[in-house]
Amino acid sequence: MDIQVRDHILVKKPHPCGSREFEVLRVGMDFKIKCTGCGHEIMIPRAKIEKNIKKVISNREE
């Protein structure tokens, strides 16, 4: 899965604030993502986040 910093992702389960969209802040063995609804930052292992991603919204200029 090709996910880069500054991409936005939609996940299957919503954050407790109700938002399903997150911004990717760091990529590696762990992902650091930021909820676009409330601004909460979370560190999640790569295997877990890749399993829960529904859609990737790219921010790259083409």
C-alpha atoms as a PDB file:
ATOM      1  CA  MET A   1       0.000   0.000   0.000  1.00  0.00           C
ATOM      2  CA  ASP A   2       1.476   3.339  -1.071  1.00  0.00           C
ATOM      3  CA  ILE A   3       0.762   5.819   1.715  1.00  0.00           C
ATOM      4  CA  GLN A   4       2.887   8.900   2.197  1.00  0.00           C
ATOM      5  CA  VAL A   5       3.083  11.764   4.676  1.00  0.00           C
ATOM      6  CA  ARG A   6       0.308  14.388   4.261  1.00  0.00           C
ATOM      7  CA  ASP A   7      -2.110  11.867   2.679  1.00  0.00           C
ATOM      8  CA  HIS A   8      -5.566  11.588   4.183  1.00  0.00           C
ATOM      9  CA  ILE A   9      -7.058   8.169   4.919  1.00  0.00           C
ATOM     10  CA  LEU A  10     -10.578   6.964   5.629  1.00  0.00           C
ATOM     11  CA  VAL A  11     -10.785   4.122   8.155  1.00  0.00           C
ATOM     12  CA  LYS A  12     -13.472   1.499   8.752  1.00  0.00           C
ATOM     13  CA  LYS A  13     -14.208   2.402  12.389  1.00  0.00           C
ATOM     14  CA  PRO A  14     -14.692   6.043  13.411  1.00  0.00           C
ATOM     15  CA  HIS A  15     -12.670   7.839  16.073  1.00  0.00           C
ATOM     16  CA  PRO A  16     -14.672   8.472  19.307  1.00  0.00           C
ATOM     17  CA  CYS A  17     -15.281  12.060  18.111  1.00  0.00           C
ATOM     18  CA  GLY A  18     -17.171  10.651  15.089  1.00  0.00           C
ATOM     19  CA  SER A  19     -14.654  11.448  12.339  1.00  0.00           C
ATOM     20  CA  ARG A  20     -13.407   8.694  10.004  1.00  0.00           C
ATOM     21  CA  GLU A  21     -10.753  10.810   8.262  1.00  0.00           C
ATOM     22  CA  PHE A  22      -7.137  11.017   9.439  1.00  0.00           C
ATOM     23  CA  GLU A  23      -4.027  12.803   8.164  1.00  0.00           C
ATOM     24  CA  VAL A  24      -0.788  10.790   8.004  1.00  0.00           C
ATOM     25  CA  LEU A  25       2.030  12.567   9.877  1.00  0.00           C
ATOM     26  CA  ARG A  26       4.688   9.804   9.953  1.00  0.00           C
ATOM     27  CA  VAL A  27       5.248   6.579   8.003  1.00  0.00           C
ATOM     28  CA  GLY A  28       7.455   3.639   9.008  1.00  0.00           C
ATOM     29  CA  MET A  29       6.992   0.569  11.197  1.00  0.00           C
ATOM     30  CA  ASP A  30       4.466   2.714  13.073  1.00  0.00           C
ATOM     31  CA  PHE A  31       2.141   5.293  11.579  1.00  0.00           C
ATOM     32  CA  LYS A  32       1.439   8.575  13.333  1.00  0.00           C
ATOM     33  CA  ILE A  33      -1.978   9.807  12.308  1.00  0.00           C
ATOM     34  CA  LYS A  34      -3.996  12.886  13.270  1.00  0.00           C
ATOM     35  CA  CYS A  35      -7.779  12.937  13.497  1.00  0.00           C
ATOM     36  CA  THR A  36      -9.170  15.682  11.255  1.00  0.00           C
ATOM     37  CA  GLY A  37     -12.205  16.030  13.526  1.00  0.00           C
ATOM     38  CA  CYS A  38     -10.649  16.739  16.931  1.00  0.00           C
ATOM     39  CA  GLY A  39      -6.887  16.949  16.219  1.00  0.00           C
ATOM     40  CA  HIS A  40      -5.899  13.971  18.412  1.00  0.00           C
ATOM     41  CA  GLU A  41      -2.627  12.303  17.323  1.00  0.00           C
ATOM     42  CA  ILE A  42      -2.260   8.508  17.496  1.00  0.00           C
ATOM     43  CA  MET A  43       0.630   6.075  16.920  1.00  0.00           C
ATOM     44  CA  ILE A  44      -0.522   2.773  15.347  1.00  0.00           C
ATOM     45  CA  PRO A  45       1.520  -0.228  14.105  1.00  0.00           C
ATOM     46  CA  ARG A  46       1.688  -0.540  10.306  1.00  0.00           C
ATOM     47  CA  ALA A  47      -0.061  -3.943  10.185  1.00  0.00           C
ATOM     48  CA  LYS A  48      -3.067  -2.683  12.137  1.00  0.00           C
ATOM     49  CA  ILE A  49      -3.574   0.547  10.170  1.00  0.00           C
ATOM     50  CA  GLU A  50      -3.161  -1.137   6.759  1.00  0.00           C
ATOM     51  CA  LYS A  51      -5.874  -3.627   7.723  1.00  0.00           C
ATOM     52  CA  ASN A  52      -8.289  -0.852   8.767  1.00  0.00           C
ATOM     53  CA  ILE A  53      -7.840   1.585   5.850  1.00  0.00           C
ATOM     54  CA  LYS A  54     -10.891   1.909   3.625  1.00  0.00           C
ATOM     55  CA  LYS A  55      -9.652   4.594   1.191  1.00  0.00           C
ATOM     56  CA  VAL A  56      -6.546   6.752   0.640  1.00  0.00           C
ATOM     57  CA  ILE A  57      -7.070  10.383  -0.389  1.00  0.00           C
ATOM     58  CA  SER A  58      -3.786  11.547  -1.908  1.00  0.00           C
ATOM     59  CA  ASN A  59      -2.444  15.082  -1.403  1.00  0.00           C
ATOM     60  CA  ARG A  60       0.323  14.726  -3.991  1.00  0.00           C
ATOM     61  CA  GLU A  61       0.448  17.214  -6.839  1.00  0.00           C
ATOM     62  CA  GLU A  62       0.497  15.470 -10.205  1.00  0.00           C
END
